[in-house]
Amino acid sequence: MGEGAKRVTTWGEEAVGMGEGSERAALIPPDAAKPSLSARLRAWAWDEVLAQSMRWRLWAPVAFGGGAAVYFALRQEPPLWPPAVAAVSATGVWLGAKLLRRGRALPCR
């Protein structure tokens, strides 16, 4: 085996000419920790939402069709209070966002 091969493949004091502390530098550094499956799925879903953000109106018929499919799959007529609570909550969130936006539009003095 040649002198160059000894320098690269040997450890400790026999590694002449490589410099102090360079034994570990010759190794390939380990890969960075990969994110978990749930983190990757969350990132993928968020990227998809951002990609479709300008096309939300095109998804409205899909949402209506999905809602109709769920409604027709029910065995009995659902009670009226859950959609009423959802409508009131959505209206409250919309009004709150509108009032907050109006407050930010005012100049600060």
PDB file of N, CA and C in Angstrom:
ATOM      1  N   MET A   1       0.852  -1.162   0.000  1.00  0.00           N
ATOM      2  CA  MET A   1       0.000   0.000   0.000  1.00  0.00           C
ATOM      3  C   MET A   1       0.899   1.227   0.000  1.00  0.00           C
ATOM      4  N   GLY A   2       0.525   2.242  -0.782  1.00  0.00           N
ATOM      5  CA  GLY A   2       1.338   3.441  -0.918  1.00  0.00           C
ATOM      6  C   GLY A   2       1.201   4.362   0.275  1.00  0.00           C
ATOM      7  N   GLU A   3       2.089   5.346   0.327  1.00  0.00           N
ATOM      8  CA  GLU A   3       2.110   6.302   1.439  1.00  0.00           C
ATOM      9  C   GLU A   3       0.825   7.140   1.474  1.00  0.00           C
ATOM     10  N   GLY A   4       0.295   7.523   0.299  1.00  0.00           N
ATOM     11  CA  GLY A   4      -0.937   8.312   0.245  1.00  0.00           C
ATOM     12  C   GLY A   4      -2.118   7.537   0.796  1.00  0.00           C
ATOM     13  N   ALA A   5      -2.179   6.256   0.481  1.00  0.00           N
ATOM     14  CA  ALA A   5      -3.273   5.430   0.979  1.00  0.00           C
ATOM     15  C   ALA A   5      -3.188   5.283   2.479  1.00  0.00           C
ATOM     16  N   LYS A   6      -1.962   5.195   3.018  1.00  0.00           N
ATOM     17  CA  LYS A   6      -1.806   5.096   4.471  1.00  0.00           C
ATOM     18  C   LYS A   6      -2.281   6.364   5.156  1.00  0.00           C
ATOM     19  N   ARG A   7      -1.978   7.515   4.565  1.00  0.00           N
ATOM     20  CA  ARG A   7      -2.378   8.771   5.170  1.00  0.00           C
ATOM     21  C   ARG A   7      -3.893   8.907   5.227  1.00  0.00           C
ATOM     22  N   VAL A   8      -4.570   8.448   4.220  1.00  0.00           N
ATOM     23  CA  VAL A   8      -6.016   8.604   4.159  1.00  0.00           C
ATOM     24  C   VAL A   8      -6.725   7.547   4.990  1.00  0.00           C
ATOM     25  N   THR A   9      -6.223   6.316   4.985  1.00  0.00           N
ATOM     26  CA  THR A   9      -6.960   5.230   5.607  1.00  0.00           C
ATOM     27  C   THR A   9      -6.554   4.953   7.044  1.00  0.00           C
ATOM     28  N   THR A  10      -5.458   5.467   7.529  1.00  0.00           N
ATOM     29  CA  THR A  10      -5.030   5.160   8.900  1.00  0.00           C
ATOM     30  C   THR A  10      -5.467   6.249   9.843  1.00  0.00           C
ATOM     31  N   TRP A  11      -5.613   5.875  11.096  1.00  0.00           N
ATOM     32  CA  TRP A  11      -6.079   6.800  12.131  1.00  0.00           C
ATOM     33  C   TRP A  11      -4.981   7.021  13.149  1.00  0.00           C
ATOM     34  N   GLY A  12      -5.134   8.053  13.892  1.00  0.00           N
ATOM     35  CA  GLY A  12      -4.247   8.299  15.024  1.00  0.00           C
ATOM     36  C   GLY A  12      -2.924   8.908  14.604  1.00  0.00           C
ATOM     37  N   GLU A  13      -1.862   8.500  15.253  1.00  0.00           N
ATOM     38  CA  GLU A  13      -0.549   9.109  15.061  1.00  0.00           C
ATOM     39  C   GLU A  13       0.085   8.704  13.746  1.00  0.00           C
ATOM     40  N   GLU A  14      -0.365   7.644  13.133  1.00  0.00           N
ATOM     41  CA  GLU A  14       0.229   7.189  11.878  1.00  0.00           C
ATOM     42  C   GLU A  14      -0.176   8.075  10.706  1.00  0.00           C
ATOM     43  N   ALA A  15      -1.185   8.904  10.871  1.00  0.00           N
ATOM     44  CA  ALA A  15      -1.653   9.773   9.795  1.00  0.00           C
ATOM     45  C   ALA A  15      -0.736  10.979   9.709  1.00  0.00           C
ATOM     46  N   VAL A  16       0.406  10.803   9.096  1.00  0.00           N
ATOM     47  CA  VAL A  16       1.427  11.839   9.010  1.00  0.00           C
ATOM     48  C   VAL A  16       1.067  12.811   7.905  1.00  0.00           C
ATOM     49  N   GLY A  17       1.224  14.104   8.146  1.00  0.00           N
ATOM     50  CA  GLY A  17       1.044  15.105   7.127  1.00  0.00           C
ATOM     51  C   GLY A  17      -0.382  15.588   6.935  1.00  0.00           C
ATOM     52  N   MET A  18      -1.305  15.089   7.686  1.00  0.00           N
ATOM     53  CA  MET A  18      -2.688  15.524   7.505  1.00  0.00           C
ATOM     54  C   MET A  18      -3.037  16.687   8.408  1.00  0.00           C
ATOM     55  N   GLY A  19      -2.228  17.026   9.346  1.00  0.00           N
ATOM     56  CA  GLY A  19      -2.519  18.134  10.237  1.00  0.00           C
ATOM     57  C   GLY A  19      -3.234  17.669  11.489  1.00  0.00           C
ATOM     58  N   GLU A  20      -3.178  18.488  12.485  1.00  0.00           N
ATOM     59  CA  GLU A  20      -3.758  18.125  13.780  1.00  0.00           C
ATOM     60  C   GLU A  20      -5.280  18.207  13.725  1.00  0.00           C
ATOM     61  N   GLY A  21      -5.947  17.197  14.228  1.00  0.00           N
ATOM     62  CA  GLY A  21      -7.399  17.178  14.304  1.00  0.00           C
ATOM     63  C   GLY A  21      -8.086  16.937  12.966  1.00  0.00           C
ATOM     64  N   SER A  22      -7.353  16.538  11.964  1.00  0.00           N
ATOM     65  CA  SER A  22      -7.967  16.374  10.652  1.00  0.00           C
ATOM     66  C   SER A  22      -8.461  14.960  10.401  1.00  0.00           C
ATOM     67  N   GLU A  23      -8.345  14.078  11.381  1.00  0.00           N
ATOM     68  CA  GLU A  23      -8.816  12.709  11.182  1.00  0.00           C
ATOM     69  C   GLU A  23     -10.313  12.685  10.902  1.00  0.00           C
ATOM     70  N   ARG A  24     -11.073  13.512  11.639  1.00  0.00           N
ATOM     71  CA  ARG A  24     -12.518  13.545  11.455  1.00  0.00           C
ATOM     72  C   ARG A  24     -12.907  14.335  10.207  1.00  0.00           C
ATOM     73  N   ALA A  25     -12.041  15.231   9.769  1.00  0.00           N
ATOM     74  CA  ALA A  25     -12.357  16.041   8.600  1.00  0.00           C
ATOM     75  C   ALA A  25     -12.372  15.209   7.327  1.00  0.00           C
ATOM     76  N   ALA A  26     -11.671  14.098   7.327  1.00  0.00           N
ATOM     77  CA  ALA A  26     -11.639  13.256   6.145  1.00  0.00           C
ATOM     78  C   ALA A  26     -12.934  12.464   5.981  1.00  0.00           C
ATOM     79  N   LEU A  27     -13.740  12.380   7.038  1.00  0.00           N
ATOM     80  CA  LEU A  27     -14.987  11.630   6.968  1.00  0.00           C
ATOM     81  C   LEU A  27     -16.085  12.476   6.343  1.00  0.00           C
ATOM     82  N   ILE A  28     -17.057  11.829   5.758  1.00  0.00           N
ATOM     83  CA  ILE A  28     -18.209  12.515   5.200  1.00  0.00           C
ATOM     84  C   ILE A  28     -19.103  12.924   6.363  1.00  0.00           C
ATOM     85  N   PRO A  29     -19.494  14.205   6.453  1.00  0.00           N
ATOM     86  CA  PRO A  29     -20.337  14.631   7.571  1.00  0.00           C
ATOM     87  C   PRO A  29     -21.716  13.976   7.480  1.00  0.00           C
ATOM     88  N   PRO A  30     -22.334  13.692   8.614  1.00  0.00           N
ATOM     89  CA  PRO A  30     -23.661  13.063   8.591  1.00  0.00           C
ATOM     90  C   PRO A  30     -24.701  14.034   8.038  1.00  0.00           C
ATOM     91  N   ASP A  31     -25.742  13.465   7.446  1.00  0.00           N
ATOM     92  CA  ASP A  31     -26.835  14.289   6.925  1.00  0.00           C
ATOM     93  C   ASP A  31     -27.556  14.963   8.066  1.00  0.00           C
ATOM     94  N   ALA A  32     -28.156  16.088   7.765  1.00  0.00           N
ATOM     95  CA  ALA A  32     -28.966  16.778   8.757  1.00  0.00           C
ATOM     96  C   ALA A  32     -30.203  15.928   9.063  1.00  0.00           C
ATOM     97  N   ALA A  33     -30.752  16.106  10.247  1.00  0.00           N
ATOM     98  CA  ALA A  33     -31.933  15.348  10.637  1.00  0.00           C
ATOM     99  C   ALA A  33     -33.096  15.691   9.713  1.00  0.00           C
ATOM    100  N   LYS A  34     -33.769  14.683   9.232  1.00  0.00           N
ATOM    101  CA  LYS A  34     -34.905  14.895   8.349  1.00  0.00           C
ATOM    102  C   LYS A  34     -36.143  15.179   9.190  1.00  0.00           C
ATOM    103  N   PRO A  35     -37.039  16.044   8.683  1.00  0.00           N
ATOM    104  CA  PRO A  35     -38.258  16.325   9.446  1.00  0.00           C
ATOM    105  C   PRO A  35     -39.152  15.091   9.523  1.00  0.00           C
ATOM    106  N   SER A  36     -40.004  15.073  10.517  1.00  0.00           N
ATOM    107  CA  SER A  36     -40.896  13.936  10.712  1.00  0.00           C
ATOM    108  C   SER A  36     -41.929  13.878   9.583  1.00  0.00           C
ATOM    109  N   LEU A  37     -42.616  12.767   9.505  1.00  0.00           N
ATOM    110  CA  LEU A  37     -43.630  12.577   8.472  1.00  0.00           C
ATOM    111  C   LEU A  37     -44.751  13.597   8.624  1.00  0.00           C
ATOM    112  N   SER A  38     -45.188  13.847   9.853  1.00  0.00           N
ATOM    113  CA  SER A  38     -46.268  14.807  10.054  1.00  0.00           C
ATOM    114  C   SER A  38     -45.828  16.212   9.663  1.00  0.00           C
ATOM    115  N   ALA A  39     -44.578  16.572   9.936  1.00  0.00           N
ATOM    116  CA  ALA A  39     -44.092  17.900   9.551  1.00  0.00           C
ATOM    117  C   ALA A  39     -44.019  18.024   8.024  1.00  0.00           C
ATOM    118  N   ARG A  40     -43.581  16.951   7.354  1.00  0.00           N
ATOM    119  CA  ARG A  40     -43.527  16.996   5.894  1.00  0.00           C
ATOM    120  C   ARG A  40     -44.925  17.063   5.290  1.00  0.00           C
ATOM    121  N   LEU A  41     -45.891  16.320   5.862  1.00  0.00           N
ATOM    122  CA  LEU A  41     -47.262  16.368   5.355  1.00  0.00           C
ATOM    123  C   LEU A  41     -47.881  17.746   5.573  1.00  0.00           C
ATOM    124  N   ARG A  42     -47.624  18.338   6.750  1.00  0.00           N
ATOM    125  CA  ARG A  42     -48.128  19.673   7.025  1.00  0.00           C
ATOM    126  C   ARG A  42     -47.547  20.688   6.042  1.00  0.00           C
ATOM    127  N   ALA A  43     -46.251  20.595   5.785  1.00  0.00           N
ATOM    128  CA  ALA A  43     -45.608  21.511   4.842  1.00  0.00           C
ATOM    129  C   ALA A  43     -46.164  21.313   3.436  1.00  0.00           C
ATOM    130  N   TRP A  44     -46.373  20.056   3.045  1.00  0.00           N
ATOM    131  CA  TRP A  44     -46.943  19.781   1.722  1.00  0.00           C
ATOM    132  C   TRP A  44     -48.353  20.355   1.607  1.00  0.00           C
ATOM    133  N   ALA A  45     -49.187  20.135   2.638  1.00  0.00           N
ATOM    134  CA  ALA A  45     -50.564  20.629   2.599  1.00  0.00           C
ATOM    135  C   ALA A  45     -50.580  22.156   2.539  1.00  0.00           C
ATOM    136  N   TRP A  46     -49.716  22.800   3.305  1.00  0.00           N
ATOM    137  CA  TRP A  46     -49.678  24.258   3.300  1.00  0.00           C
ATOM    138  C   TRP A  46     -49.207  24.773   1.936  1.00  0.00           C
ATOM    139  N   ASP A  47     -48.243  24.114   1.321  1.00  0.00           N
ATOM    140  CA  ASP A  47     -47.798  24.505  -0.012  1.00  0.00           C
ATOM    141  C   ASP A  47     -48.923  24.361  -1.028  1.00  0.00           C
ATOM    142  N   GLU A  48     -49.727  23.316  -0.892  1.00  0.00           N
ATOM    143  CA  GLU A  48     -50.857  23.124  -1.800  1.00  0.00           C
ATOM    144  C   GLU A  48     -51.911  24.210  -1.595  1.00  0.00           C
ATOM    145  N   VAL A  49     -52.176  24.567  -0.341  1.00  0.00           N
ATOM    146  CA  VAL A  49     -53.147  25.630  -0.063  1.00  0.00           C
ATOM    147  C   VAL A  49     -52.661  26.939  -0.669  1.00  0.00           C
ATOM    148  N   LEU A  50     -51.390  27.254  -0.502  1.00  0.00           N
ATOM    149  CA  LEU A  50     -50.853  28.488  -1.071  1.00  0.00           C
ATOM    150  C   LEU A  50     -50.893  28.466  -2.595  1.00  0.00           C
ATOM    151  N   ALA A  51     -50.646  27.308  -3.185  1.00  0.00           N
ATOM    152  CA  ALA A  51     -50.685  27.210  -4.644  1.00  0.00           C
ATOM    153  C   ALA A  51     -52.105  27.408  -5.180  1.00  0.00           C
ATOM    154  N   GLN A  52     -53.113  27.018  -4.414  1.00  0.00           N
ATOM    155  CA  GLN A  52     -54.502  27.127  -4.857  1.00  0.00           C
ATOM    156  C   GLN A  52     -55.189  28.394  -4.358  1.00  0.00           C
ATOM    157  N   SER A  53     -54.476  29.266  -3.654  1.00  0.00           N
ATOM    158  CA  SER A  53     -55.121  30.415  -3.020  1.00  0.00           C
ATOM    159  C   SER A  53     -55.764  31.359  -4.034  1.00  0.00           C
ATOM    160  N   MET A  54     -55.218  31.475  -5.206  1.00  0.00           N
ATOM    161  CA  MET A  54     -55.812  32.355  -6.215  1.00  0.00           C
ATOM    162  C   MET A  54     -56.961  31.672  -6.963  1.00  0.00           C
ATOM    163  N   ARG A  55     -57.159  30.399  -6.725  1.00  0.00           N
ATOM    164  CA  ARG A  55     -58.206  29.647  -7.436  1.00  0.00           C
ATOM    165  C   ARG A  55     -59.319  29.195  -6.516  1.00  0.00           C
ATOM    166  N   TRP A  56     -59.517  29.867  -5.379  1.00  0.00           N
ATOM    167  CA  TRP A  56     -60.507  29.385  -4.414  1.00  0.00           C
ATOM    168  C   TRP A  56     -61.913  29.415  -4.989  1.00  0.00           C
ATOM    169  N   ARG A  57     -62.189  30.336  -5.890  1.00  0.00           N
ATOM    170  CA  ARG A  57     -63.531  30.384  -6.489  1.00  0.00           C
ATOM    171  C   ARG A  57     -63.788  29.159  -7.361  1.00  0.00           C
ATOM    172  N   LEU A  58     -62.740  28.632  -7.943  1.00  0.00           N
ATOM    173  CA  LEU A  58     -62.918  27.443  -8.776  1.00  0.00           C
ATOM    174  C   LEU A  58     -63.226  26.207  -7.931  1.00  0.00           C
ATOM    175  N   TRP A  59     -62.843  26.235  -6.659  1.00  0.00           N
ATOM    176  CA  TRP A  59     -63.097  25.103  -5.776  1.00  0.00           C
ATOM    177  C   TRP A  59     -64.496  25.160  -5.139  1.00  0.00           C
ATOM    178  N   ALA A  60     -65.215  26.249  -5.291  1.00  0.00           N
ATOM    179  CA  ALA A  60     -66.558  26.376  -4.698  1.00  0.00           C
ATOM    180  C   ALA A  60     -67.513  25.284  -5.194  1.00  0.00           C
ATOM    181  N   PRO A  61     -67.593  24.980  -6.498  1.00  0.00           N
ATOM    182  CA  PRO A  61     -68.484  23.893  -6.926  1.00  0.00           C
ATOM    183  C   PRO A  61     -68.087  22.536  -6.336  1.00  0.00           C
ATOM    184  N   VAL A  62     -66.802  22.329  -6.148  1.00  0.00           N
ATOM    185  CA  VAL A  62     -66.345  21.076  -5.542  1.00  0.00           C
ATOM    186  C   VAL A  62     -66.845  20.989  -4.105  1.00  0.00           C
ATOM    187  N   ALA A  63     -66.765  22.103  -3.379  1.00  0.00           N
ATOM    188  CA  ALA A  63     -67.245  22.118  -1.994  1.00  0.00           C
ATOM    189  C   ALA A  63     -68.754  21.893  -1.933  1.00  0.00           C
ATOM    190  N   PHE A  64     -69.501  22.553  -2.830  1.00  0.00           N
ATOM    191  CA  PHE A  64     -70.951  22.341  -2.846  1.00  0.00           C
ATOM    192  C   PHE A  64     -71.293  20.892  -3.195  1.00  0.00           C
ATOM    193  N   GLY A  65     -70.597  20.331  -4.153  1.00  0.00           N
ATOM    194  CA  GLY A  65     -70.841  18.930  -4.523  1.00  0.00           C
ATOM    195  C   GLY A  65     -70.510  17.981  -3.385  1.00  0.00           C
ATOM    196  N   GLY A  66     -69.405  18.242  -2.687  1.00  0.00           N
ATOM    197  CA  GLY A  66     -69.054  17.406  -1.535  1.00  0.00           C
ATOM    198  C   GLY A  66     -70.085  17.509  -0.426  1.00  0.00           C
ATOM    199  N   GLY A  67     -70.571  18.737  -0.184  1.00  0.00           N
ATOM    200  CA  GLY A  67     -71.604  18.921   0.831  1.00  0.00           C
ATOM    201  C   GLY A  67     -72.897  18.207   0.467  1.00  0.00           C
ATOM    202  N   ALA A  68     -73.266  18.262  -0.807  1.00  0.00           N
ATOM    203  CA  ALA A  68     -74.479  17.561  -1.258  1.00  0.00           C
ATOM    204  C   ALA A  68     -74.313  16.053  -1.122  1.00  0.00           C
ATOM    205  N   ALA A  69     -73.125  15.553  -1.449  1.00  0.00           N
ATOM    206  CA  ALA A  69     -72.882  14.113  -1.313  1.00  0.00           C
ATOM    207  C   ALA A  69     -72.983  13.673   0.138  1.00  0.00           C
ATOM    208  N   VAL A  70     -72.439  14.452   1.035  1.00  0.00           N
ATOM    209  CA  VAL A  70     -72.534  14.112   2.468  1.00  0.00           C
ATOM    210  C   VAL A  70     -73.985  14.172   2.928  1.00  0.00           C
ATOM    211  N   TYR A  71     -74.714  15.203   2.481  1.00  0.00           N
ATOM    212  CA  TYR A  71     -76.118  15.344   2.883  1.00  0.00           C
ATOM    213  C   TYR A  71     -76.949  14.153   2.414  1.00  0.00           C
ATOM    214  N   PHE A  72     -76.763  13.737   1.161  1.00  0.00           N
ATOM    215  CA  PHE A  72     -77.553  12.624   0.648  1.00  0.00           C
ATOM    216  C   PHE A  72     -77.120  11.277   1.222  1.00  0.00           C
ATOM    217  N   ALA A  73     -75.921  11.214   1.791  1.00  0.00           N
ATOM    218  CA  ALA A  73     -75.454   9.968   2.397  1.00  0.00           C
ATOM    219  C   ALA A  73     -76.005   9.777   3.813  1.00  0.00           C
ATOM    220  N   LEU A  74     -76.560  10.834   4.413  1.00  0.00           N
ATOM    221  CA  LEU A  74     -77.103  10.723   5.773  1.00  0.00           C
ATOM    222  C   LEU A  74     -78.345   9.845   5.777  1.00  0.00           C
ATOM    223  N   ARG A  75     -78.537   9.138   6.880  1.00  0.00           N
ATOM    224  CA  ARG A  75     -79.704   8.254   7.002  1.00  0.00           C
ATOM    225  C   ARG A  75     -80.957   9.008   7.437  1.00  0.00           C
ATOM    226  N   GLN A  76     -80.780  10.119   8.123  1.00  0.00           N
ATOM    227  CA  GLN A  76     -81.930  10.918   8.552  1.00  0.00           C
ATOM    228  C   GLN A  76     -81.595  12.393   8.418  1.00  0.00           C
ATOM    229  N   GLU A  77     -82.627  13.223   8.448  1.00  0.00           N
ATOM    230  CA  GLU A  77     -82.444  14.662   8.326  1.00  0.00           C
ATOM    231  C   GLU A  77     -81.672  15.191   9.540  1.00  0.00           C
ATOM    232  N   PRO A  78     -80.600  15.958   9.319  1.00  0.00           N
ATOM    233  CA  PRO A  78     -79.818  16.465  10.448  1.00  0.00           C
ATOM    234  C   PRO A  78     -80.558  17.596  11.170  1.00  0.00           C
ATOM    235  N   PRO A  79     -80.238  17.815  12.450  1.00  0.00           N
ATOM    236  CA  PRO A  79     -80.865  18.933  13.163  1.00  0.00           C
ATOM    237  C   PRO A  79     -80.391  20.273  12.594  1.00  0.00           C
ATOM    238  N   LEU A  80     -81.144  21.326  12.850  1.00  0.00           N
ATOM    239  CA  LEU A  80     -80.855  22.626  12.277  1.00  0.00           C
ATOM    240  C   LEU A  80     -79.826  23.420  13.085  1.00  0.00           C
ATOM    241  N   TRP A  81     -79.646  23.109  14.363  1.00  0.00           N
ATOM    242  CA  TRP A  81     -78.792  23.960  15.188  1.00  0.00           C
ATOM    243  C   TRP A  81     -77.302  23.932  14.820  1.00  0.00           C
ATOM    244  N   PRO A  82     -76.668  22.820  14.379  1.00  0.00           N
ATOM    245  CA  PRO A  82     -75.236  22.912  14.044  1.00  0.00           C
ATOM    246  C   PRO A  82     -74.921  23.873  12.887  1.00  0.00           C
ATOM    247  N   PRO A  83     -75.672  23.832  11.761  1.00  0.00           N
ATOM    248  CA  PRO A  83     -75.360  24.815  10.724  1.00  0.00           C
ATOM    249  C   PRO A  83     -75.682  26.250  11.152  1.00  0.00           C
ATOM    250  N   ALA A  84     -76.715  26.415  11.992  1.00  0.00           N
ATOM    251  CA  ALA A  84     -77.039  27.759  12.473  1.00  0.00           C
ATOM    252  C   ALA A  84     -75.906  28.302  13.348  1.00  0.00           C
ATOM    253  N   VAL A  85     -75.363  27.480  14.233  1.00  0.00           N
ATOM    254  CA  VAL A  85     -74.233  27.901  15.070  1.00  0.00           C
ATOM    255  C   VAL A  85     -73.015  28.203  14.205  1.00  0.00           C
ATOM    256  N   ALA A  86     -72.766  27.385  13.192  1.00  0.00           N
ATOM    257  CA  ALA A  86     -71.633  27.615  12.298  1.00  0.00           C
ATOM    258  C   ALA A  86     -71.804  28.922  11.528  1.00  0.00           C
ATOM    259  N   ALA A  87     -73.036  29.211  11.069  1.00  0.00           N
ATOM    260  CA  ALA A  87     -73.283  30.449  10.322  1.00  0.00           C
ATOM    261  C   ALA A  87     -73.089  31.675  11.213  1.00  0.00           C
ATOM    262  N   VAL A  88     -73.597  31.605  12.443  1.00  0.00           N
ATOM    263  CA  VAL A  88     -73.434  32.729  13.372  1.00  0.00           C
ATOM    264  C   VAL A  88     -71.960  32.917  13.725  1.00  0.00           C
ATOM    265  N   SER A  89     -71.248  31.843  13.942  1.00  0.00           N
ATOM    266  CA  SER A  89     -69.816  31.932  14.252  1.00  0.00           C
ATOM    267  C   SER A  89     -69.030  32.509  13.081  1.00  0.00           C
ATOM    268  N   ALA A  90     -69.327  32.042  11.884  1.00  0.00           N
ATOM    269  CA  ALA A  90     -68.625  32.551  10.701  1.00  0.00           C
ATOM    270  C   ALA A  90     -68.910  34.034  10.490  1.00  0.00           C
ATOM    271  N   THR A  91     -70.141  34.441  10.725  1.00  0.00           N
ATOM    272  CA  THR A  91     -70.488  35.856  10.609  1.00  0.00           C
ATOM    273  C   THR A  91     -69.739  36.684  11.647  1.00  0.00           C
ATOM    274  N   GLY A  92     -69.646  36.169  12.864  1.00  0.00           N
ATOM    275  CA  GLY A  92     -68.902  36.881  13.911  1.00  0.00           C
ATOM    276  C   GLY A  92     -67.425  37.009  13.583  1.00  0.00           C
ATOM    277  N   VAL A  93     -66.833  35.949  13.067  1.00  0.00           N
ATOM    278  CA  VAL A  93     -65.415  36.000  12.683  1.00  0.00           C
ATOM    279  C   VAL A  93     -65.223  36.987  11.544  1.00  0.00           C
ATOM    280  N   TRP A  94     -66.129  36.981  10.566  1.00  0.00           N
ATOM    281  CA  TRP A  94     -66.021  37.897   9.433  1.00  0.00           C
ATOM    282  C   TRP A  94     -66.141  39.348   9.895  1.00  0.00           C
ATOM    283  N   LEU A  95     -67.124  39.641  10.752  1.00  0.00           N
ATOM    284  CA  LEU A  95     -67.280  41.004  11.255  1.00  0.00           C
ATOM    285  C   LEU A  95     -66.079  41.428  12.096  1.00  0.00           C
ATOM    286  N   GLY A  96     -65.576  40.522  12.927  1.00  0.00           N
ATOM    287  CA  GLY A  96     -64.398  40.839  13.729  1.00  0.00           C
ATOM    288  C   GLY A  96     -63.192  41.158  12.860  1.00  0.00           C
ATOM    289  N   ALA A  97     -62.989  40.380  11.815  1.00  0.00           N
ATOM    290  CA  ALA A  97     -61.864  40.633  10.905  1.00  0.00           C
ATOM    291  C   ALA A  97     -62.051  41.955  10.175  1.00  0.00           C
ATOM    292  N   LYS A  98     -63.280  42.247   9.790  1.00  0.00           N
ATOM    293  CA  LYS A  98     -63.549  43.504   9.091  1.00  0.00           C
ATOM    294  C   LYS A  98     -63.295  44.698  10.007  1.00  0.00           C
ATOM    295  N   LEU A  99     -63.719  44.601  11.266  1.00  0.00           N
ATOM    296  CA  LEU A  99     -63.484  45.697  12.207  1.00  0.00           C
ATOM    297  C   LEU A  99     -62.008  45.856  12.523  1.00  0.00           C
ATOM    298  N   LEU A 100     -61.280  44.762  12.651  1.00  0.00           N
ATOM    299  CA  LEU A 100     -59.841  44.857  12.897  1.00  0.00           C
ATOM    300  C   LEU A 100     -59.124  45.484  11.709  1.00  0.00           C
ATOM    301  N   ARG A 101     -59.525  45.130  10.518  1.00  0.00           N
ATOM    302  CA  ARG A 101     -58.902  45.676   9.324  1.00  0.00           C
ATOM    303  C   ARG A 101     -59.189  47.174   9.216  1.00  0.00           C
ATOM    304  N   ARG A 102     -60.404  47.571   9.564  1.00  0.00           N
ATOM    305  CA  ARG A 102     -60.762  48.976   9.527  1.00  0.00           C
ATOM    306  C   ARG A 102     -59.933  49.754  10.543  1.00  0.00           C
ATOM    307  N   GLY A 103     -59.705  49.167  11.714  1.00  0.00           N
ATOM    308  CA  GLY A 103     -58.905  49.833  12.736  1.00  0.00           C
ATOM    309  C   GLY A 103     -57.470  50.007  12.303  1.00  0.00           C
ATOM    310  N   ARG A 104     -56.925  49.082  11.550  1.00  0.00           N
ATOM    311  CA  ARG A 104     -55.532  49.180  11.088  1.00  0.00           C
ATOM    312  C   ARG A 104     -55.393  50.200   9.962  1.00  0.00           C
ATOM    313  N   ALA A 105     -56.481  50.453   9.248  1.00  0.00           N
ATOM    314  CA  ALA A 105     -56.404  51.377   8.133  1.00  0.00           C
ATOM    315  C   ALA A 105     -56.324  52.824   8.599  1.00  0.00           C
ATOM    316  N   LEU A 106     -56.711  53.102   9.847  1.00  0.00           N
ATOM    317  CA  LEU A 106     -56.664  54.462  10.374  1.00  0.00           C
ATOM    318  C   LEU A 106     -55.228  54.878  10.634  1.00  0.00           C
ATOM    319  N   PRO A 107     -54.880  56.119  10.303  1.00  0.00           N
ATOM    320  CA  PRO A 107     -53.504  56.565  10.576  1.00  0.00           C
ATOM    321  C   PRO A 107     -53.255  56.720  12.061  1.00  0.00           C
ATOM    322  N   CYS A 108     -52.082  56.379  12.499  1.00  0.00           N
ATOM    323  CA  CYS A 108     -51.704  56.531  13.905  1.00  0.00           C
ATOM    324  C   CYS A 108     -51.110  57.914  14.119  1.00  0.00           C
ATOM    325  N   ARG A 109     -51.535  58.598  15.185  1.00  0.00           N
ATOM    326  CA  ARG A 109     -50.996  59.927  15.483  1.00  0.00           C
ATOM    327  C   ARG A 109     -50.331  59.954  16.814  1.00  0.00           C
TER     328      ARG A 109
END
